[in-house]
Amino acid sequence: MPLFASFLSANASAQTSDGDFVGALEERGISVADPDSAVATAHEICAELDRGEGAAVVVLKLMTDTNLSSAQAGYFIGASVTAYCPQHHDALGNPVLPLVPPPPLM
């Protein structure tokens, strides 16, 4: 199941405001000290996806730039897409799966 599935399926058709976006993050346990910065990050995520950046790369960048876990970063990206760039919904899939190395061959 994709990391973003719970947010996307529940809110796919919802129109969200910045406050709704920040509220969704906080409900999921993602602390938002600066709401304007969180919204700006969400818009940057959309811009990266607009430029053709892969979801896995966007997740890794968000994890590197913040202290979010992979699950939190996935939720943040899913919330960003739902709120600000729903045209990228189908491109998300499971961004972390390709990053997991295969088991060793014996």
C-alpha atoms as a PDB file:
ATOM      1  CA  MET A   1       0.000   0.000   0.000  1.00  0.00           C
ATOM      2  CA  PRO A   2       1.495   3.368  -0.936  1.00  0.00           C
ATOM      3  CA  LEU A   3       2.518   5.617   1.926  1.00  0.00           C
ATOM      4  CA  PHE A   4       0.118   8.282   0.724  1.00  0.00           C
ATOM      5  CA  ALA A   5      -2.910   6.055   0.143  1.00  0.00           C
ATOM      6  CA  SER A   6      -4.728   6.824   3.377  1.00  0.00           C
ATOM      7  CA  PHE A   7      -4.642  10.568   2.785  1.00  0.00           C
ATOM      8  CA  LEU A   8      -5.308  10.454  -0.939  1.00  0.00           C
ATOM      9  CA  SER A   9      -8.253   8.096  -0.790  1.00  0.00           C
ATOM     10  CA  ALA A  10      -9.964  10.012   1.984  1.00  0.00           C
ATOM     11  CA  ASN A  11      -9.420  13.441   0.483  1.00  0.00           C
ATOM     12  CA  ALA A  12      -8.992  12.971  -3.265  1.00  0.00           C
ATOM     13  CA  SER A  13     -11.848  15.248  -4.253  1.00  0.00           C
ATOM     14  CA  ALA A  14     -11.610  17.698  -1.369  1.00  0.00           C
ATOM     15  CA  GLN A  15     -10.675  21.310  -1.966  1.00  0.00           C
ATOM     16  CA  THR A  16      -8.221  22.269   0.735  1.00  0.00           C
ATOM     17  CA  SER A  17      -6.997  25.565   2.035  1.00  0.00           C
ATOM     18  CA  ASP A  18      -3.583  26.168   3.515  1.00  0.00           C
ATOM     19  CA  GLY A  19      -5.103  25.752   6.972  1.00  0.00           C
ATOM     20  CA  ASP A  20      -6.635  22.417   6.010  1.00  0.00           C
ATOM     21  CA  PHE A  21      -3.282  21.255   4.645  1.00  0.00           C
ATOM     22  CA  VAL A  22      -1.428  22.215   7.825  1.00  0.00           C
ATOM     23  CA  GLY A  23      -4.203  20.712   9.943  1.00  0.00           C
ATOM     24  CA  ALA A  24      -3.938  17.415   8.067  1.00  0.00           C
ATOM     25  CA  LEU A  25      -0.209  17.292   8.768  1.00  0.00           C
ATOM     26  CA  GLU A  26      -0.686  18.024  12.453  1.00  0.00           C
ATOM     27  CA  GLU A  27      -3.444  15.408  12.750  1.00  0.00           C
ATOM     28  CA  ARG A  28      -0.909  12.879  11.471  1.00  0.00           C
ATOM     29  CA  GLY A  29       1.622  13.893  14.121  1.00  0.00           C
ATOM     30  CA  ILE A  30       3.768  16.053  11.858  1.00  0.00           C
ATOM     31  CA  SER A  31       4.685  19.128  13.880  1.00  0.00           C
ATOM     32  CA  VAL A  32       4.357  22.362  11.913  1.00  0.00           C
ATOM     33  CA  ALA A  33       6.293  25.177  13.576  1.00  0.00           C
ATOM     34  CA  ASP A  34       5.953  27.516  10.583  1.00  0.00           C
ATOM     35  CA  PRO A  35       2.759  26.985   8.550  1.00  0.00           C
ATOM     36  CA  ASP A  36       3.913  29.338   5.776  1.00  0.00           C
ATOM     37  CA  SER A  37       7.105  27.318   5.352  1.00  0.00           C
ATOM     38  CA  ALA A  38       5.139  24.047   5.240  1.00  0.00           C
ATOM     39  CA  VAL A  39       2.866  25.447   2.526  1.00  0.00           C
ATOM     40  CA  ALA A  40       5.883  26.747   0.589  1.00  0.00           C
ATOM     41  CA  THR A  41       7.482  23.296   0.829  1.00  0.00           C
ATOM     42  CA  ALA A  42       4.268  21.735  -0.489  1.00  0.00           C
ATOM     43  CA  HIS A  43       4.320  24.073  -3.482  1.00  0.00           C
ATOM     44  CA  GLU A  44       7.993  23.247  -4.094  1.00  0.00           C
ATOM     45  CA  ILE A  45       7.105  19.541  -4.059  1.00  0.00           C
ATOM     46  CA  CYS A  46       4.491  20.226  -6.730  1.00  0.00           C
ATOM     47  CA  ALA A  47       7.057  22.179  -8.755  1.00  0.00           C
ATOM     48  CA  GLU A  48       9.521  19.284  -8.524  1.00  0.00           C
ATOM     49  CA  LEU A  49       6.845  16.873  -9.737  1.00  0.00           C
ATOM     50  CA  ASP A  50       5.961  19.340 -12.521  1.00  0.00           C
ATOM     51  CA  ARG A  51       9.616  19.191 -13.624  1.00  0.00           C
ATOM     52  CA  GLY A  52       9.365  15.404 -13.855  1.00  0.00           C
ATOM     53  CA  GLU A  53      11.206  14.571 -10.653  1.00  0.00           C
ATOM     54  CA  GLY A  54      10.388  11.052  -9.464  1.00  0.00           C
ATOM     55  CA  ALA A  55       8.409  10.577  -6.268  1.00  0.00           C
ATOM     56  CA  ALA A  56      11.230   8.550  -4.695  1.00  0.00           C
ATOM     57  CA  VAL A  57      13.674  11.407  -5.256  1.00  0.00           C
ATOM     58  CA  VAL A  58      11.203  13.921  -3.819  1.00  0.00           C
ATOM     59  CA  VAL A  59      10.717  11.747  -0.711  1.00  0.00           C
ATOM     60  CA  LEU A  60      14.472  11.414  -0.188  1.00  0.00           C
ATOM     61  CA  LYS A  61      14.996  15.143  -0.646  1.00  0.00           C
ATOM     62  CA  LEU A  62      12.252  15.948   1.864  1.00  0.00           C
ATOM     63  CA  MET A  63      13.722  13.480   4.363  1.00  0.00           C
ATOM     64  CA  THR A  64      17.185  15.008   3.874  1.00  0.00           C
ATOM     65  CA  ASP A  65      15.921  18.571   4.258  1.00  0.00           C
ATOM     66  CA  THR A  66      13.774  17.825   7.326  1.00  0.00           C
ATOM     67  CA  ASN A  67      13.677  15.417  10.230  1.00  0.00           C
ATOM     68  CA  LEU A  68      10.672  13.549   8.808  1.00  0.00           C
ATOM     69  CA  SER A  69      10.596   9.762   8.697  1.00  0.00           C
ATOM     70  CA  SER A  70       9.901   8.052   5.383  1.00  0.00           C
ATOM     71  CA  ALA A  71       6.259   7.535   6.389  1.00  0.00           C
ATOM     72  CA  GLN A  72       5.889  11.186   7.420  1.00  0.00           C
ATOM     73  CA  ALA A  73       7.599  12.391   4.241  1.00  0.00           C
ATOM     74  CA  GLY A  74       5.302  10.184   2.181  1.00  0.00           C
ATOM     75  CA  TYR A  75       2.269  11.576   3.958  1.00  0.00           C
ATOM     76  CA  PHE A  76       3.532  15.149   3.538  1.00  0.00           C
ATOM     77  CA  ILE A  77       3.963  14.595  -0.196  1.00  0.00           C
ATOM     78  CA  GLY A  78       0.563  12.928  -0.489  1.00  0.00           C
ATOM     79  CA  ALA A  79      -1.045  15.816   1.378  1.00  0.00           C
ATOM     80  CA  SER A  80       0.808  18.304  -0.837  1.00  0.00           C
ATOM     81  CA  VAL A  81      -0.369  16.616  -4.023  1.00  0.00           C
ATOM     82  CA  THR A  82      -3.946  16.363  -2.793  1.00  0.00           C
ATOM     83  CA  ALA A  83      -4.026  19.999  -1.713  1.00  0.00           C
ATOM     84  CA  TYR A  84      -2.059  21.743  -4.444  1.00  0.00           C
ATOM     85  CA  CYS A  85      -1.317  19.538  -7.465  1.00  0.00           C
ATOM     86  CA  PRO A  86      -3.821  16.691  -7.773  1.00  0.00           C
ATOM     87  CA  GLN A  87      -2.744  16.152 -11.378  1.00  0.00           C
ATOM     88  CA  HIS A  88       0.224  14.219  -9.941  1.00  0.00           C
ATOM     89  CA  HIS A  89      -1.924  11.789  -7.937  1.00  0.00           C
ATOM     90  CA  ASP A  90      -1.382   8.889 -10.349  1.00  0.00           C
ATOM     91  CA  ALA A  91       2.370   9.438 -10.505  1.00  0.00           C
ATOM     92  CA  LEU A  92       2.940   8.805  -6.808  1.00  0.00           C
ATOM     93  CA  GLY A  93       2.575   5.045  -6.486  1.00  0.00           C
ATOM     94  CA  ASN A  94       4.968   3.743  -3.843  1.00  0.00           C
ATOM     95  CA  PRO A  95       8.050   5.975  -3.987  1.00  0.00           C
ATOM     96  CA  VAL A  96      10.102   4.089  -1.419  1.00  0.00           C
ATOM     97  CA  LEU A  97       9.762   0.588  -2.859  1.00  0.00           C
ATOM     98  CA  PRO A  98      12.354   1.098  -5.629  1.00  0.00           C
ATOM     99  CA  LEU A  99      14.832   2.256  -2.983  1.00  0.00           C
ATOM    100  CA  VAL A 100      14.712  -1.004  -1.027  1.00  0.00           C
ATOM    101  CA  PRO A 101      17.562  -3.224  -2.179  1.00  0.00           C
ATOM    102  CA  PRO A 102      16.713  -6.773  -3.211  1.00  0.00           C
ATOM    103  CA  PRO A 103      17.741  -9.655  -0.936  1.00  0.00           C
ATOM    104  CA  PRO A 104      21.197 -11.106  -1.543  1.00  0.00           C
ATOM    105  CA  LEU A 105      21.480 -13.930  -4.041  1.00  0.00           C
ATOM    106  CA  MET A 106      22.629 -17.200  -2.514  1.00  0.00           C
END
